[in-house]
Amino acid sequence: MTELTSLLGALRRPRLLIRAARFGLAEYRRTPALRRLFAAAGAHTPAQVIALLLAREAEQEARRKSGDAGYSVARHVELLIALMAEARLLPQDTAPAPARRGATLQTATRRDQPKASGISSLRRATKSASAACTAGSSVGAS
């Protein structure tokens, strides 16, 4: 299982393909997609499906890089959508680790620092000030 997650983490594809796959991720339906890709319904575990998808996606990547006339961008994006969706179905302990940029951002925040948005104080201040300016209001009057 860790081999599978390391393969997913090491997958590097052009940004345009990844962005297209992310847009299609919201519309992913497991059973019809797997039936279309493998002629099989969703009877397999996500790990088994990911292994099959990685093999098919590697074929499409090789076709893309070689300039093969049989390469289909739509098919490649469809495989990437399925890969992303199935990776989300993996148990959390086996899911790929988050990107380093996100990890360093988490460690940079201080735990003892209070949230400084001050929205509640702003609402209290503006409510009493606006009520005092409103004719017939008794909130701001002394």
N, C-alpha and C. Protein backbone atom coordinates (compact mmCIF):
# COMPACT_ATOMS: atom_id res chain seq x y z
N MET A 1 0.82 -1.19 0.00
CA MET A 1 0.00 0.00 0.00
C MET A 1 0.86 1.26 0.00
N THR A 2 1.98 1.22 0.74
CA THR A 2 2.84 2.40 0.74
C THR A 2 3.51 2.60 -0.61
N GLU A 3 3.74 1.49 -1.34
CA GLU A 3 4.30 1.60 -2.68
C GLU A 3 3.32 2.34 -3.59
N LEU A 4 2.05 2.05 -3.41
CA LEU A 4 1.01 2.70 -4.20
C LEU A 4 0.95 4.19 -3.91
N THR A 5 1.03 4.57 -2.65
CA THR A 5 0.97 5.99 -2.29
C THR A 5 2.22 6.72 -2.75
N SER A 6 3.37 6.04 -2.73
CA SER A 6 4.58 6.70 -3.21
C SER A 6 4.51 6.91 -4.73
N LEU A 7 3.90 5.96 -5.44
CA LEU A 7 3.71 6.13 -6.89
C LEU A 7 2.78 7.31 -7.18
N LEU A 8 1.72 7.43 -6.40
CA LEU A 8 0.79 8.55 -6.60
C LEU A 8 1.46 9.88 -6.28
N GLY A 9 2.26 9.89 -5.23
CA GLY A 9 2.95 11.12 -4.84
C GLY A 9 4.00 11.55 -5.85
N ALA A 10 4.59 10.59 -6.56
CA ALA A 10 5.65 10.90 -7.51
C ALA A 10 5.12 11.20 -8.90
N LEU A 11 3.84 11.08 -9.12
CA LEU A 11 3.25 11.31 -10.43
C LEU A 11 3.36 12.78 -10.82
N ARG A 12 4.02 13.06 -11.94
CA ARG A 12 4.19 14.43 -12.44
C ARG A 12 3.63 14.51 -13.85
N ARG A 13 2.64 15.37 -14.03
CA ARG A 13 2.01 15.54 -15.33
C ARG A 13 1.90 17.03 -15.63
N PRO A 14 1.69 17.40 -16.90
CA PRO A 14 1.55 18.82 -17.25
C PRO A 14 0.40 19.48 -16.48
N ARG A 15 0.62 20.71 -16.13
CA ARG A 15 -0.34 21.46 -15.33
C ARG A 15 -1.72 21.53 -15.98
N LEU A 16 -1.76 21.66 -17.27
CA LEU A 16 -3.04 21.76 -17.98
C LEU A 16 -3.86 20.47 -17.83
N LEU A 17 -3.21 19.32 -17.91
CA LEU A 17 -3.92 18.05 -17.71
C LEU A 17 -4.47 17.94 -16.29
N ILE A 18 -3.66 18.33 -15.32
CA ILE A 18 -4.08 18.24 -13.91
C ILE A 18 -5.23 19.19 -13.64
N ARG A 19 -5.16 20.40 -14.16
CA ARG A 19 -6.25 21.36 -13.95
C ARG A 19 -7.55 20.87 -14.58
N ALA A 20 -7.45 20.29 -15.77
CA ALA A 20 -8.65 19.75 -16.43
C ALA A 20 -9.23 18.61 -15.61
N ALA A 21 -8.37 17.78 -15.06
CA ALA A 21 -8.85 16.66 -14.23
C ALA A 21 -9.51 17.17 -12.95
N ARG A 22 -8.97 18.22 -12.36
CA ARG A 22 -9.58 18.77 -11.14
C ARG A 22 -10.97 19.32 -11.41
N PHE A 23 -11.16 19.92 -12.57
CA PHE A 23 -12.49 20.42 -12.92
C PHE A 23 -13.49 19.27 -13.06
N GLY A 24 -13.05 18.17 -13.61
CA GLY A 24 -13.93 17.03 -13.81
C GLY A 24 -14.16 16.20 -12.56
N LEU A 25 -13.39 16.44 -11.53
CA LEU A 25 -13.46 15.64 -10.31
C LEU A 25 -14.81 15.76 -9.62
N ALA A 26 -15.45 16.90 -9.71
CA ALA A 26 -16.75 17.10 -9.05
C ALA A 26 -17.84 16.24 -9.69
N GLU A 27 -17.68 15.90 -10.95
CA GLU A 27 -18.70 15.12 -11.66
C GLU A 27 -18.38 13.63 -11.72
N TYR A 28 -17.36 13.19 -11.02
CA TYR A 28 -16.94 11.78 -11.07
C TYR A 28 -17.98 10.89 -10.41
N ARG A 29 -18.40 9.88 -11.12
CA ARG A 29 -19.31 8.85 -10.59
C ARG A 29 -18.59 7.52 -10.77
N ARG A 30 -18.33 6.86 -9.67
CA ARG A 30 -17.44 5.70 -9.66
C ARG A 30 -17.91 4.57 -10.58
N THR A 31 -19.12 4.09 -10.40
CA THR A 31 -19.57 2.92 -11.16
C THR A 31 -19.58 3.17 -12.67
N PRO A 32 -20.20 4.24 -13.16
CA PRO A 32 -20.16 4.44 -14.62
C PRO A 32 -18.75 4.68 -15.16
N ALA A 33 -17.93 5.38 -14.40
CA ALA A 33 -16.57 5.66 -14.87
C ALA A 33 -15.74 4.38 -14.95
N LEU A 34 -15.84 3.54 -13.93
CA LEU A 34 -15.08 2.29 -13.96
C LEU A 34 -15.60 1.34 -15.03
N ARG A 35 -16.89 1.36 -15.24
CA ARG A 35 -17.46 0.52 -16.29
C ARG A 35 -16.94 0.98 -17.66
N ARG A 36 -16.85 2.30 -17.84
CA ARG A 36 -16.37 2.84 -19.10
C ARG A 36 -14.87 2.57 -19.28
N LEU A 37 -14.11 2.67 -18.21
CA LEU A 37 -12.66 2.50 -18.31
C LEU A 37 -12.20 1.04 -18.35
N PHE A 38 -12.89 0.19 -17.60
CA PHE A 38 -12.42 -1.19 -17.47
C PHE A 38 -13.45 -2.23 -17.86
N ALA A 39 -14.63 -1.84 -18.24
CA ALA A 39 -15.73 -2.76 -18.49
C ALA A 39 -16.04 -3.56 -17.24
N ALA A 40 -15.91 -2.89 -16.08
CA ALA A 40 -16.21 -3.52 -14.79
C ALA A 40 -16.87 -2.49 -13.89
N ALA A 41 -17.75 -2.95 -13.05
CA ALA A 41 -18.43 -2.06 -12.11
C ALA A 41 -17.51 -1.80 -10.91
N GLY A 42 -18.00 -1.10 -9.93
CA GLY A 42 -17.21 -0.72 -8.76
C GLY A 42 -17.04 -1.82 -7.74
N ALA A 43 -16.75 -3.04 -8.16
CA ALA A 43 -16.61 -4.16 -7.23
C ALA A 43 -15.21 -4.24 -6.64
N HIS A 44 -14.27 -3.50 -7.15
CA HIS A 44 -12.89 -3.57 -6.68
C HIS A 44 -12.64 -2.53 -5.60
N THR A 45 -11.62 -2.77 -4.79
CA THR A 45 -11.23 -1.80 -3.77
C THR A 45 -10.53 -0.63 -4.46
N PRO A 46 -10.50 0.53 -3.81
CA PRO A 46 -9.81 1.67 -4.41
C PRO A 46 -8.34 1.38 -4.72
N ALA A 47 -7.67 0.59 -3.88
CA ALA A 47 -6.25 0.28 -4.13
C ALA A 47 -6.09 -0.54 -5.41
N GLN A 48 -6.98 -1.50 -5.63
CA GLN A 48 -6.91 -2.31 -6.85
C GLN A 48 -7.19 -1.46 -8.08
N VAL A 49 -8.18 -0.59 -7.96
CA VAL A 49 -8.54 0.28 -9.09
C VAL A 49 -7.40 1.24 -9.40
N ILE A 50 -6.76 1.78 -8.36
CA ILE A 50 -5.64 2.71 -8.58
C ILE A 50 -4.50 2.01 -9.30
N ALA A 51 -4.21 0.77 -8.93
CA ALA A 51 -3.14 0.03 -9.61
C ALA A 51 -3.45 -0.13 -11.10
N LEU A 52 -4.69 -0.46 -11.42
CA LEU A 52 -5.09 -0.58 -12.82
C LEU A 52 -5.04 0.76 -13.54
N LEU A 53 -5.52 1.80 -12.86
CA LEU A 53 -5.53 3.13 -13.46
C LEU A 53 -4.11 3.64 -13.71
N LEU A 54 -3.20 3.37 -12.79
CA LEU A 54 -1.82 3.80 -12.98
C LEU A 54 -1.20 3.16 -14.22
N ALA A 55 -1.51 1.90 -14.45
CA ALA A 55 -0.99 1.22 -15.64
C ALA A 55 -1.56 1.83 -16.92
N ARG A 56 -2.86 2.07 -16.93
CA ARG A 56 -3.49 2.68 -18.12
C ARG A 56 -3.00 4.11 -18.34
N GLU A 57 -2.84 4.84 -17.25
CA GLU A 57 -2.40 6.23 -17.36
C GLU A 57 -0.95 6.29 -17.85
N ALA A 58 -0.12 5.36 -17.43
CA ALA A 58 1.27 5.31 -17.90
C ALA A 58 1.32 5.07 -19.41
N GLU A 59 0.41 4.23 -19.91
CA GLU A 59 0.32 4.01 -21.36
C GLU A 59 -0.03 5.31 -22.08
N GLN A 60 -1.01 6.03 -21.54
CA GLN A 60 -1.42 7.30 -22.16
C GLN A 60 -0.28 8.31 -22.10
N GLU A 61 0.46 8.34 -21.01
CA GLU A 61 1.58 9.28 -20.87
C GLU A 61 2.67 8.95 -21.90
N ALA A 62 2.93 7.67 -22.09
CA ALA A 62 3.93 7.27 -23.09
C ALA A 62 3.48 7.68 -24.50
N ARG A 63 2.20 7.51 -24.79
CA ARG A 63 1.66 7.93 -26.09
C ARG A 63 1.77 9.44 -26.26
N ARG A 64 1.47 10.18 -25.19
CA ARG A 64 1.54 11.64 -25.25
C ARG A 64 2.96 12.10 -25.54
N LYS A 65 3.92 11.52 -24.83
CA LYS A 65 5.31 11.93 -25.00
C LYS A 65 5.87 11.54 -26.37
N SER A 66 5.42 10.43 -26.92
CA SER A 66 5.94 9.99 -28.21
C SER A 66 5.26 10.67 -29.39
N GLY A 67 4.13 11.36 -29.14
CA GLY A 67 3.42 12.00 -30.23
C GLY A 67 2.58 11.04 -31.04
N ASP A 68 2.19 9.95 -30.43
CA ASP A 68 1.40 8.91 -31.10
C ASP A 68 0.05 9.49 -31.55
N ALA A 69 -0.37 9.10 -32.75
CA ALA A 69 -1.65 9.58 -33.29
C ALA A 69 -2.83 9.00 -32.53
N GLY A 70 -2.63 7.91 -31.83
CA GLY A 70 -3.70 7.28 -31.07
C GLY A 70 -3.92 7.89 -29.69
N TYR A 71 -3.12 8.90 -29.36
CA TYR A 71 -3.25 9.55 -28.05
C TYR A 71 -4.52 10.37 -27.99
N SER A 72 -5.27 10.21 -26.90
CA SER A 72 -6.49 10.97 -26.69
C SER A 72 -6.37 11.78 -25.40
N VAL A 73 -6.42 13.09 -25.54
CA VAL A 73 -6.34 13.96 -24.36
C VAL A 73 -7.55 13.70 -23.46
N ALA A 74 -8.71 13.53 -24.06
CA ALA A 74 -9.92 13.29 -23.27
C ALA A 74 -9.80 12.01 -22.45
N ARG A 75 -9.26 10.97 -23.04
CA ARG A 75 -9.06 9.70 -22.34
C ARG A 75 -8.05 9.86 -21.21
N HIS A 76 -6.99 10.62 -21.46
CA HIS A 76 -5.96 10.85 -20.45
C HIS A 76 -6.55 11.62 -19.27
N VAL A 77 -7.32 12.65 -19.55
CA VAL A 77 -7.95 13.42 -18.48
C VAL A 77 -8.94 12.55 -17.71
N GLU A 78 -9.67 11.72 -18.42
CA GLU A 78 -10.62 10.82 -17.76
C GLU A 78 -9.90 9.87 -16.80
N LEU A 79 -8.75 9.37 -17.21
CA LEU A 79 -7.96 8.50 -16.33
C LEU A 79 -7.44 9.27 -15.12
N LEU A 80 -7.00 10.50 -15.33
CA LEU A 80 -6.51 11.31 -14.21
C LEU A 80 -7.63 11.65 -13.24
N ILE A 81 -8.82 11.93 -13.74
CA ILE A 81 -9.97 12.18 -12.87
C ILE A 81 -10.24 10.96 -12.00
N ALA A 82 -10.26 9.80 -12.62
CA ALA A 82 -10.51 8.57 -11.87
C ALA A 82 -9.42 8.31 -10.85
N LEU A 83 -8.16 8.57 -11.21
CA LEU A 83 -7.06 8.40 -10.27
C LEU A 83 -7.22 9.30 -9.05
N MET A 84 -7.54 10.57 -9.29
CA MET A 84 -7.71 11.51 -8.18
C MET A 84 -8.87 11.10 -7.28
N ALA A 85 -9.97 10.72 -7.89
CA ALA A 85 -11.15 10.34 -7.11
C ALA A 85 -10.91 9.08 -6.31
N GLU A 86 -10.26 8.09 -6.91
CA GLU A 86 -9.99 6.85 -6.19
C GLU A 86 -8.96 7.06 -5.09
N ALA A 87 -8.03 7.97 -5.29
CA ALA A 87 -7.05 8.28 -4.24
C ALA A 87 -7.75 8.88 -3.02
N ARG A 88 -8.82 9.62 -3.25
CA ARG A 88 -9.59 10.18 -2.13
C ARG A 88 -10.33 9.10 -1.35
N LEU A 89 -10.59 7.96 -1.99
CA LEU A 89 -11.30 6.88 -1.32
C LEU A 89 -10.39 5.98 -0.49
N LEU A 90 -9.08 6.16 -0.64
CA LEU A 90 -8.14 5.37 0.15
C LEU A 90 -8.29 5.73 1.63
N PRO A 91 -8.01 4.80 2.52
CA PRO A 91 -8.02 5.14 3.95
C PRO A 91 -7.02 6.26 4.23
N GLN A 92 -7.29 7.08 5.22
CA GLN A 92 -6.48 8.27 5.49
C GLN A 92 -5.02 7.95 5.80
N ASP A 93 -4.75 6.85 6.48
CA ASP A 93 -3.36 6.53 6.81
C ASP A 93 -2.54 6.11 5.60
N THR A 94 -3.21 5.77 4.49
CA THR A 94 -2.48 5.38 3.28
C THR A 94 -2.57 6.42 2.19
N ALA A 95 -3.27 7.51 2.43
CA ALA A 95 -3.39 8.56 1.43
C ALA A 95 -2.04 9.25 1.26
N PRO A 96 -1.75 9.81 0.07
CA PRO A 96 -0.47 10.48 -0.14
C PRO A 96 -0.30 11.65 0.82
N ALA A 97 0.94 11.89 1.23
CA ALA A 97 1.24 12.98 2.16
C ALA A 97 0.98 14.32 1.48
N PRO A 98 0.61 15.34 2.25
CA PRO A 98 0.37 16.66 1.65
C PRO A 98 1.67 17.24 1.11
N ALA A 99 1.51 18.21 0.23
CA ALA A 99 2.68 18.85 -0.37
C ALA A 99 3.50 19.54 0.71
N ARG A 100 4.79 19.67 0.47
CA ARG A 100 5.68 20.28 1.46
C ARG A 100 5.30 21.72 1.74
N ARG A 101 4.85 22.45 0.73
CA ARG A 101 4.50 23.84 0.94
C ARG A 101 3.40 23.97 1.97
N GLY A 102 2.39 23.12 1.91
CA GLY A 102 1.31 23.15 2.88
C GLY A 102 1.79 22.75 4.26
N ALA A 103 2.72 21.81 4.33
CA ALA A 103 3.22 21.35 5.62
C ALA A 103 4.02 22.43 6.32
N THR A 104 4.83 23.18 5.57
CA THR A 104 5.60 24.23 6.21
C THR A 104 4.71 25.39 6.63
N LEU A 105 3.64 25.59 5.92
CA LEU A 105 2.71 26.65 6.30
C LEU A 105 2.05 26.33 7.63
N GLN A 106 1.71 25.09 7.87
CA GLN A 106 1.10 24.69 9.12
C GLN A 106 2.05 24.87 10.29
N THR A 107 3.32 24.55 10.11
CA THR A 107 4.26 24.64 11.22
C THR A 107 4.65 26.08 11.50
N ALA A 108 4.41 26.98 10.56
CA ALA A 108 4.79 28.37 10.75
C ALA A 108 3.80 29.13 11.63
N THR A 109 2.58 28.65 11.78
CA THR A 109 1.60 29.35 12.60
C THR A 109 1.84 29.06 14.07
N ARG A 110 1.67 30.08 14.91
CA ARG A 110 1.87 29.91 16.35
C ARG A 110 0.59 29.43 16.98
N ARG A 111 0.71 28.47 17.85
CA ARG A 111 -0.45 27.89 18.52
C ARG A 111 -0.97 28.81 19.63
N ASP A 112 -0.08 29.58 20.28
CA ASP A 112 -0.50 30.40 21.41
C ASP A 112 -1.03 31.78 20.99
N GLN A 113 -1.01 32.07 19.71
CA GLN A 113 -1.46 33.37 19.23
C GLN A 113 -2.97 33.34 19.03
N PRO A 114 -3.70 34.28 19.67
CA PRO A 114 -5.17 34.29 19.50
C PRO A 114 -5.55 34.77 18.10
N LYS A 115 -6.73 34.39 17.67
CA LYS A 115 -7.24 34.83 16.39
C LYS A 115 -7.51 36.33 16.47
N ALA A 116 -6.97 37.06 15.54
CA ALA A 116 -7.01 38.52 15.63
C ALA A 116 -7.96 39.14 14.62
N SER A 117 -9.02 38.47 14.29
CA SER A 117 -9.91 39.06 13.30
C SER A 117 -10.70 40.21 13.90
N GLY A 118 -11.12 40.12 15.15
CA GLY A 118 -11.82 41.20 15.81
C GLY A 118 -13.19 41.49 15.25
N ILE A 119 -13.81 40.56 14.56
CA ILE A 119 -15.10 40.83 13.92
C ILE A 119 -16.19 41.07 14.95
N SER A 120 -16.14 40.35 16.07
CA SER A 120 -17.18 40.55 17.09
C SER A 120 -17.06 41.94 17.71
N SER A 121 -15.84 42.40 17.96
CA SER A 121 -15.64 43.75 18.51
C SER A 121 -16.10 44.80 17.51
N LEU A 122 -15.82 44.58 16.25
CA LEU A 122 -16.24 45.52 15.21
C LEU A 122 -17.76 45.60 15.15
N ARG A 123 -18.42 44.47 15.23
CA ARG A 123 -19.89 44.47 15.18
C ARG A 123 -20.48 45.21 16.37
N ARG A 124 -19.94 44.97 17.56
CA ARG A 124 -20.45 45.67 18.75
C ARG A 124 -20.26 47.17 18.62
N ALA A 125 -19.09 47.60 18.15
CA ALA A 125 -18.80 49.03 18.04
C ALA A 125 -19.67 49.70 16.99
N THR A 126 -19.85 49.05 15.86
CA THR A 126 -20.64 49.68 14.80
C THR A 126 -22.12 49.62 15.10
N LYS A 127 -22.58 48.61 15.83
CA LYS A 127 -24.00 48.51 16.15
C LYS A 127 -24.40 49.64 17.09
N SER A 128 -23.61 49.88 18.13
CA SER A 128 -23.97 50.94 19.08
C SER A 128 -23.82 52.31 18.44
N ALA A 129 -22.81 52.50 17.59
CA ALA A 129 -22.61 53.80 16.94
C ALA A 129 -23.71 54.06 15.93
N SER A 130 -24.11 53.06 15.17
CA SER A 130 -25.14 53.28 14.18
C SER A 130 -26.51 53.42 14.84
N ALA A 131 -26.72 52.75 15.96
CA ALA A 131 -27.99 52.87 16.65
C ALA A 131 -28.13 54.26 17.27
N ALA A 132 -27.02 54.84 17.71
CA ALA A 132 -27.06 56.18 18.31
C ALA A 132 -27.39 57.23 17.26
N CYS A 133 -26.97 56.98 16.02
CA CYS A 133 -27.22 57.93 14.94
C CYS A 133 -28.62 57.78 14.36
N THR A 134 -29.29 56.68 14.61
CA THR A 134 -30.60 56.43 14.04
C THR A 134 -31.64 57.16 14.86
N ALA A 135 -32.52 57.88 14.17
CA ALA A 135 -33.57 58.63 14.86
C ALA A 135 -34.54 57.68 15.56
N GLY A 136 -34.89 57.97 16.78
CA GLY A 136 -35.84 57.17 17.53
C GLY A 136 -35.25 55.97 18.21
N SER A 137 -33.92 55.84 18.18
CA SER A 137 -33.28 54.70 18.81
C SER A 137 -32.89 55.05 20.23
N SER A 138 -33.08 54.14 21.12
CA SER A 138 -32.71 54.39 22.51
C SER A 138 -31.46 53.65 22.92
N VAL A 139 -30.82 52.93 21.99
CA VAL A 139 -29.64 52.13 22.32
C VAL A 139 -28.46 53.00 22.66
N GLY A 140 -28.19 54.02 21.86
CA GLY A 140 -27.02 54.86 22.09
C GLY A 140 -27.29 56.02 23.04
N ALA A 141 -28.54 56.28 23.41
CA ALA A 141 -28.87 57.41 24.28
C ALA A 141 -28.53 57.08 25.72
N SER A 142 -28.13 58.13 26.47
CA SER A 142 -27.78 57.94 27.87
C SER A 142 -28.89 58.39 28.77
